[in-house]
Amino acid sequence: MTPGPTPAAVDTTDGIHAYYADGSLSAATYDAFEEATRPLEPEVAFYRGLATGCTTPIIELGVGTGRIAWPLAEAGHTVVGLDSSTAMLARAIARRSHQTRAAAGRLQLVRGDMRTFELGFAADLVILPHRSFNHLLTPADQRACLTAIRRHLGPRGRAVIDLAHPGFTYLVDQGLFEATARARLRFADGFSAERVAERRTVDFVDQILTIFMRYTLRDPDGRVVRETVDRFALRWTNPHEMRLLLELSGLAPIHEHADFAGTPPTAIGDRLWVVQPLP
């Protein structure tokens, strides 16, 4: 299992952290919760397949802790990973020591904004895994990101956007929400972590779901070592809206998948967009 967070001094707080902010347990426990709740191999295999034949560095926006970028680097690809969270980038840097020497030299980590980034080269492949695009909370921010992607794609380049759409049932069914927003895990050293969704707000006009998640870290005796409440917000984007945003940004869809196995998408549900520059 991925190593857990380094226990800090007791720091129970009523303050609200932004998700993945410095000092947040959402960043410190991210890898462990992902490993426990979301299989990684299908996702990695999907991006490895798309990376076949790339002759330029791959750009990953929202690189986080490097869960996709490091396997791509191990597979022989050069990757430039960009993220705005110093806490998540610190986790990615900490994983460097667990990679082979060759892979460690293939991943460049950059702190930046996916709406305004300038990396100075055109890429064969730009990826936005694990719904990082949903963290852009206005159509203007989404279009700015897509326009920046377009600037960084070569004539035959492709971009992949993993987009979450929570679905109407999830948005209105409190029981379903509570069941999917609770998780517990235990580390090898006896420490344990729990995340529980305390409350949520749903803005159906601006299409924003905001979840307030309480993270609790306990020592082997069950005492609270650290606790934070982290605010997680995402904007869902309907397929017809996404197609318009792509067109306005100089991009066009090539494929739309419901999952990493290439299943055709349904009318409502998560969607993987594979896009290319418009002529």
Foldseek 3Di string as FASTA:
>chain_A
DPAAADFDAADEDPDAAAQLAVPDNNLRCVVVVCVVPPDLVLVLVLVLVLCPPWPDAEEEEQCFLPSNPLVNLLVPGAYEYEEQHPSRVVNNVVCLVVHDPSSSVRYHYYYDDLLDDDDPAATQEYEYPDAPLQQQQALVSSLSNLLVNQVRHDQNHKYKHWHWFPDPCCVPPPVNVQVVQWDKDAGPQQKIKIKGFPDWDADPVSQKIKTWIKMFIAHNVGHTRYIHTYIDMGHHDFPVRVQVSQVVSQKHFDAKAQDSVRHHDDRTGIIMTMMGGHD
